[in-house]
Amino acid sequence: MSLGQRVSTDHQLARLLQIGVVLEEVVEARAYRHLESLAADEREELGDEIVHLLEHAAEESEEHRERLEGLVEELDADTVAYEEIERLVEAQYGQTSPDDFDGVLYDALCNEETAYKFYDDLIEAVEASDADYAVDRDRLLDTLKSIRAEEEEGVEEVTEIMERRE
């Protein structure tokens, strides 16, 4: 399903929220992968600021995932198997690996921008629809907008760190 369409059913909404859950899992896993792959001297070279950024990104993604899962549980819809959603996310958003980027910060920026764009598109699709969902529309949009704002802050934080390090 394209996010360019309206979200007109609980099933469509559940599927899109599940995509958000898996997208957050990908971001969380990539942040932890960077952290785990850093030797002590690399951590020191990157500095506390970047290590904190990666830790925060992983924790924030976990919190976002839990919030999205809560919304999915409230919907009166059959969910899609997470294996299918993982394939969709991989096809749409996972075409690169952390090692494809020139450094940890570029990967972090890509992750934050991808998540921001996904939530921005999802909010637009929900707002374009006049459907009634099993979940309260205002709470749904408030949750999505809150998550999008946090992703936007992440983009700004990574960009500021990159600019200082140039």
C-alpha atoms as a PDB file:
ATOM      1  CA  MET A   1       0.000   0.000   0.000  1.00  0.00           C
ATOM      2  CA  SER A   2       1.257   3.424  -0.889  1.00  0.00           C
ATOM      3  CA  LEU A   3       1.238   6.157   1.673  1.00  0.00           C
ATOM      4  CA  GLY A   4       0.063   8.460  -1.086  1.00  0.00           C
ATOM      5  CA  GLN A   5      -3.385   6.954  -0.619  1.00  0.00           C
ATOM      6  CA  ARG A   6      -5.901   7.624   2.090  1.00  0.00           C
ATOM      7  CA  VAL A   7      -5.984   5.219   4.989  1.00  0.00           C
ATOM      8  CA  SER A   8      -9.592   4.147   4.845  1.00  0.00           C
ATOM      9  CA  THR A   9      -9.770   0.970   6.944  1.00  0.00           C
ATOM     10  CA  ASP A  10      -8.519  -0.350  10.246  1.00  0.00           C
ATOM     11  CA  HIS A  11      -6.718  -3.071   8.298  1.00  0.00           C
ATOM     12  CA  GLN A  12      -4.761  -0.517   6.230  1.00  0.00           C
ATOM     13  CA  LEU A  13      -3.965   1.493   9.334  1.00  0.00           C
ATOM     14  CA  ALA A  14      -2.847  -1.609  11.240  1.00  0.00           C
ATOM     15  CA  ARG A  15      -0.565  -2.604   8.381  1.00  0.00           C
ATOM     16  CA  LEU A  16       1.006   0.839   8.210  1.00  0.00           C
ATOM     17  CA  LEU A  17       1.470   0.982  11.970  1.00  0.00           C
ATOM     18  CA  GLN A  18       3.091  -2.453  11.801  1.00  0.00           C
ATOM     19  CA  ILE A  19       5.463  -1.113   9.156  1.00  0.00           C
ATOM     20  CA  GLY A  20       6.331   1.650  11.623  1.00  0.00           C
ATOM     21  CA  VAL A  21       6.987  -0.972  14.313  1.00  0.00           C
ATOM     22  CA  VAL A  22       9.379  -2.876  12.069  1.00  0.00           C
ATOM     23  CA  LEU A  23      11.023   0.332  10.873  1.00  0.00           C
ATOM     24  CA  GLU A  24      11.678   1.248  14.518  1.00  0.00           C
ATOM     25  CA  GLU A  25      13.105  -2.241  15.093  1.00  0.00           C
ATOM     26  CA  VAL A  26      15.498  -1.685  12.200  1.00  0.00           C
ATOM     27  CA  VAL A  27      16.637   1.681  13.589  1.00  0.00           C
ATOM     28  CA  GLU A  28      17.073   0.202  17.063  1.00  0.00           C
ATOM     29  CA  ALA A  29      19.057  -2.765  15.735  1.00  0.00           C
ATOM     30  CA  ARG A  30      21.311  -0.560  13.620  1.00  0.00           C
ATOM     31  CA  ALA A  31      22.104   1.726  16.556  1.00  0.00           C
ATOM     32  CA  TYR A  32      22.929  -1.256  18.777  1.00  0.00           C
ATOM     33  CA  ARG A  33      24.975  -2.806  15.972  1.00  0.00           C
ATOM     34  CA  HIS A  34      27.112   0.321  15.795  1.00  0.00           C
ATOM     35  CA  LEU A  35      27.529   0.421  19.558  1.00  0.00           C
ATOM     36  CA  GLU A  36      28.475  -3.246  19.792  1.00  0.00           C
ATOM     37  CA  SER A  37      30.904  -3.072  16.900  1.00  0.00           C
ATOM     38  CA  LEU A  38      32.927  -0.205  18.354  1.00  0.00           C
ATOM     39  CA  ALA A  39      36.192  -1.092  20.008  1.00  0.00           C
ATOM     40  CA  ALA A  40      37.159   0.937  23.080  1.00  0.00           C
ATOM     41  CA  ASP A  41      39.515   3.158  21.091  1.00  0.00           C
ATOM     42  CA  GLU A  42      36.821   3.766  18.448  1.00  0.00           C
ATOM     43  CA  ARG A  43      34.325   4.746  21.154  1.00  0.00           C
ATOM     44  CA  GLU A  44      36.875   7.177  22.531  1.00  0.00           C
ATOM     45  CA  GLU A  45      37.547   8.578  19.060  1.00  0.00           C
ATOM     46  CA  LEU A  46      33.837   9.065  18.369  1.00  0.00           C
ATOM     47  CA  GLY A  47      33.310  10.634  21.753  1.00  0.00           C
ATOM     48  CA  ASP A  48      30.612  10.467  24.373  1.00  0.00           C
ATOM     49  CA  GLU A  49      28.281  12.644  22.315  1.00  0.00           C
ATOM     50  CA  ILE A  50      27.956  10.104  19.509  1.00  0.00           C
ATOM     51  CA  VAL A  51      27.811   7.111  21.834  1.00  0.00           C
ATOM     52  CA  HIS A  52      24.998   8.875  23.711  1.00  0.00           C
ATOM     53  CA  LEU A  53      23.286   9.648  20.378  1.00  0.00           C
ATOM     54  CA  LEU A  54      23.304   5.965  19.420  1.00  0.00           C
ATOM     55  CA  GLU A  55      22.080   4.859  22.849  1.00  0.00           C
ATOM     56  CA  HIS A  56      19.309   7.456  22.755  1.00  0.00           C
ATOM     57  CA  ALA A  57      18.289   6.450  19.214  1.00  0.00           C
ATOM     58  CA  ALA A  58      17.956   2.812  20.267  1.00  0.00           C
ATOM     59  CA  GLU A  59      15.974   3.656  23.406  1.00  0.00           C
ATOM     60  CA  GLU A  60      13.728   6.089  21.550  1.00  0.00           C
ATOM     61  CA  SER A  61      13.034   3.547  18.812  1.00  0.00           C
ATOM     62  CA  GLU A  62      12.050   0.981  21.419  1.00  0.00           C
ATOM     63  CA  GLU A  63       9.646   3.480  23.003  1.00  0.00           C
ATOM     64  CA  HIS A  64       8.174   4.391  19.599  1.00  0.00           C
ATOM     65  CA  ARG A  65       7.721   0.717  18.776  1.00  0.00           C
ATOM     66  CA  GLU A  66       5.840   0.116  22.027  1.00  0.00           C
ATOM     67  CA  ARG A  67       3.546   3.088  21.396  1.00  0.00           C
ATOM     68  CA  LEU A  68       2.775   1.874  17.875  1.00  0.00           C
ATOM     69  CA  GLU A  69       2.159  -1.680  19.069  1.00  0.00           C
ATOM     70  CA  GLY A  70      -0.359  -0.295  21.563  1.00  0.00           C
ATOM     71  CA  LEU A  71      -2.275   1.390  18.753  1.00  0.00           C
ATOM     72  CA  VAL A  72      -2.248  -1.772  16.642  1.00  0.00           C
ATOM     73  CA  GLU A  73      -3.687  -3.771  19.536  1.00  0.00           C
ATOM     74  CA  GLU A  74      -6.629  -1.360  19.788  1.00  0.00           C
ATOM     75  CA  LEU A  75      -7.586  -1.648  16.134  1.00  0.00           C
ATOM     76  CA  ASP A  76     -10.376  -3.917  15.056  1.00  0.00           C
ATOM     77  CA  ALA A  77      -8.328  -5.458  12.284  1.00  0.00           C
ATOM     78  CA  ASP A  78      -6.475  -8.570  11.372  1.00  0.00           C
ATOM     79  CA  THR A  79      -2.792  -7.834  11.492  1.00  0.00           C
ATOM     80  CA  VAL A  80      -0.313  -8.920   8.886  1.00  0.00           C
ATOM     81  CA  ALA A  81       2.364 -11.448   9.823  1.00  0.00           C
ATOM     82  CA  TYR A  82       5.471  -9.597  10.950  1.00  0.00           C
ATOM     83  CA  GLU A  83       7.562 -11.652   8.519  1.00  0.00           C
ATOM     84  CA  GLU A  84       5.601 -10.097   5.651  1.00  0.00           C
ATOM     85  CA  ILE A  85       5.973  -6.617   7.132  1.00  0.00           C
ATOM     86  CA  GLU A  86       9.714  -7.173   7.574  1.00  0.00           C
ATOM     87  CA  ARG A  87       9.975  -8.008   3.873  1.00  0.00           C
ATOM     88  CA  LEU A  88       8.078  -4.821   2.989  1.00  0.00           C
ATOM     89  CA  VAL A  89      10.286  -2.697   5.224  1.00  0.00           C
ATOM     90  CA  GLU A  90      13.409  -4.352   3.866  1.00  0.00           C
ATOM     91  CA  ALA A  91      12.286  -3.679   0.285  1.00  0.00           C
ATOM     92  CA  GLN A  92      11.297  -0.079   0.974  1.00  0.00           C
ATOM     93  CA  TYR A  93      13.695   1.107   3.686  1.00  0.00           C
ATOM     94  CA  GLY A  94      16.390  -1.495   4.212  1.00  0.00           C
ATOM     95  CA  GLN A  95      18.261  -1.303   0.957  1.00  0.00           C
ATOM     96  CA  THR A  96      21.373  -0.203   2.759  1.00  0.00           C
ATOM     97  CA  SER A  97      23.235  -1.594   5.694  1.00  0.00           C
ATOM     98  CA  PRO A  98      25.020   0.425   8.371  1.00  0.00           C
ATOM     99  CA  ASP A  99      28.311  -0.388   6.667  1.00  0.00           C
ATOM    100  CA  ASP A 100      27.155   1.300   3.442  1.00  0.00           C
ATOM    101  CA  PHE A 101      27.495   4.725   4.990  1.00  0.00           C
ATOM    102  CA  ASP A 102      30.602   6.776   5.448  1.00  0.00           C
ATOM    103  CA  GLY A 103      30.490   6.681   9.189  1.00  0.00           C
ATOM    104  CA  VAL A 104      28.139   6.229  12.060  1.00  0.00           C
ATOM    105  CA  LEU A 105      26.689   9.728  11.803  1.00  0.00           C
ATOM    106  CA  TYR A 106      25.601   9.334   8.188  1.00  0.00           C
ATOM    107  CA  ASP A 107      23.826   6.108   9.057  1.00  0.00           C
ATOM    108  CA  ALA A 108      22.151   7.750  12.050  1.00  0.00           C
ATOM    109  CA  LEU A 109      21.045  10.662   9.859  1.00  0.00           C
ATOM    110  CA  CYS A 110      19.632   8.295   7.234  1.00  0.00           C
ATOM    111  CA  ASN A 111      17.699   6.390   9.922  1.00  0.00           C
ATOM    112  CA  GLU A 112      16.238   9.551  11.459  1.00  0.00           C
ATOM    113  CA  GLU A 113      15.292  11.032   8.074  1.00  0.00           C
ATOM    114  CA  THR A 114      13.680   7.793   6.894  1.00  0.00           C
ATOM    115  CA  ALA A 115      11.591   7.509  10.054  1.00  0.00           C
ATOM    116  CA  TYR A 116      10.603  11.188   9.901  1.00  0.00           C
ATOM    117  CA  LYS A 117       9.481  10.843   6.278  1.00  0.00           C
ATOM    118  CA  PHE A 118       7.504   7.673   7.032  1.00  0.00           C
ATOM    119  CA  TYR A 119       5.581   9.322   9.879  1.00  0.00           C
ATOM    120  CA  ASP A 120       5.069  12.513   7.893  1.00  0.00           C
ATOM    121  CA  ASP A 121       3.553  10.512   5.025  1.00  0.00           C
ATOM    122  CA  LEU A 122       1.441   8.412   7.392  1.00  0.00           C
ATOM    123  CA  ILE A 123       0.039  11.481   9.132  1.00  0.00           C
ATOM    124  CA  GLU A 124      -0.804  13.024   5.761  1.00  0.00           C
ATOM    125  CA  ALA A 125      -2.574   9.832   4.647  1.00  0.00           C
ATOM    126  CA  VAL A 126      -4.596   9.601   7.873  1.00  0.00           C
ATOM    127  CA  GLU A 127      -5.528  13.291   7.724  1.00  0.00           C
ATOM    128  CA  ALA A 128      -6.629  12.906   4.094  1.00  0.00           C
ATOM    129  CA  SER A 129      -9.052  10.167   5.102  1.00  0.00           C
ATOM    130  CA  ASP A 130     -12.481  10.657   6.591  1.00  0.00           C
ATOM    131  CA  ALA A 131     -12.584   7.069   7.872  1.00  0.00           C
ATOM    132  CA  ASP A 132     -13.584   6.172  11.395  1.00  0.00           C
ATOM    133  CA  TYR A 133     -11.024   3.949  13.055  1.00  0.00           C
ATOM    134  CA  ALA A 134     -11.411   1.700  16.078  1.00  0.00           C
ATOM    135  CA  VAL A 135      -8.731   3.827  17.734  1.00  0.00           C
ATOM    136  CA  ASP A 136      -9.471   7.460  18.614  1.00  0.00           C
ATOM    137  CA  ARG A 137      -8.405   9.571  15.617  1.00  0.00           C
ATOM    138  CA  ASP A 138      -7.133  12.499  17.701  1.00  0.00           C
ATOM    139  CA  ARG A 139      -5.050  10.234  19.920  1.00  0.00           C
ATOM    140  CA  LEU A 140      -3.731   8.402  16.854  1.00  0.00           C
ATOM    141  CA  LEU A 141      -2.658  11.650  15.209  1.00  0.00           C
ATOM    142  CA  ASP A 142      -1.249  13.038  18.468  1.00  0.00           C
ATOM    143  CA  THR A 143       0.853   9.899  18.889  1.00  0.00           C
ATOM    144  CA  LEU A 144       2.098   9.967  15.294  1.00  0.00           C
ATOM    145  CA  LYS A 145       2.856  13.683  15.423  1.00  0.00           C
ATOM    146  CA  SER A 146       4.713  13.277  18.693  1.00  0.00           C
ATOM    147  CA  ILE A 147       6.845  10.487  17.238  1.00  0.00           C
ATOM    148  CA  ARG A 148       7.456  12.521  14.062  1.00  0.00           C
ATOM    149  CA  ALA A 149       8.568  15.499  16.178  1.00  0.00           C
ATOM    150  CA  GLU A 150      11.034  13.292  18.041  1.00  0.00           C
ATOM    151  CA  GLU A 151      12.402  12.021  14.722  1.00  0.00           C
ATOM    152  CA  GLU A 152      12.742  15.610  13.527  1.00  0.00           C
ATOM    153  CA  GLU A 153      14.696  16.461  16.678  1.00  0.00           C
ATOM    154  CA  GLY A 154      16.932  13.478  15.919  1.00  0.00           C
ATOM    155  CA  VAL A 155      17.617  14.756  12.410  1.00  0.00           C
ATOM    156  CA  GLU A 156      18.514  18.167  13.815  1.00  0.00           C
ATOM    157  CA  GLU A 157      20.737  16.690  16.537  1.00  0.00           C
ATOM    158  CA  VAL A 158      22.689  14.515  14.116  1.00  0.00           C
ATOM    159  CA  THR A 159      23.030  17.395  11.651  1.00  0.00           C
ATOM    160  CA  GLU A 160      24.362  19.701  14.383  1.00  0.00           C
ATOM    161  CA  ILE A 161      26.931  17.115  15.480  1.00  0.00           C
ATOM    162  CA  MET A 162      28.019  16.605  11.874  1.00  0.00           C
ATOM    163  CA  GLU A 163      28.400  20.339  11.337  1.00  0.00           C
ATOM    164  CA  ARG A 164      30.508  20.717  14.487  1.00  0.00           C
ATOM    165  CA  ARG A 165      32.776  17.877  13.432  1.00  0.00           C
ATOM    166  CA  GLU A 166      33.500  19.237   9.926  1.00  0.00           C
END
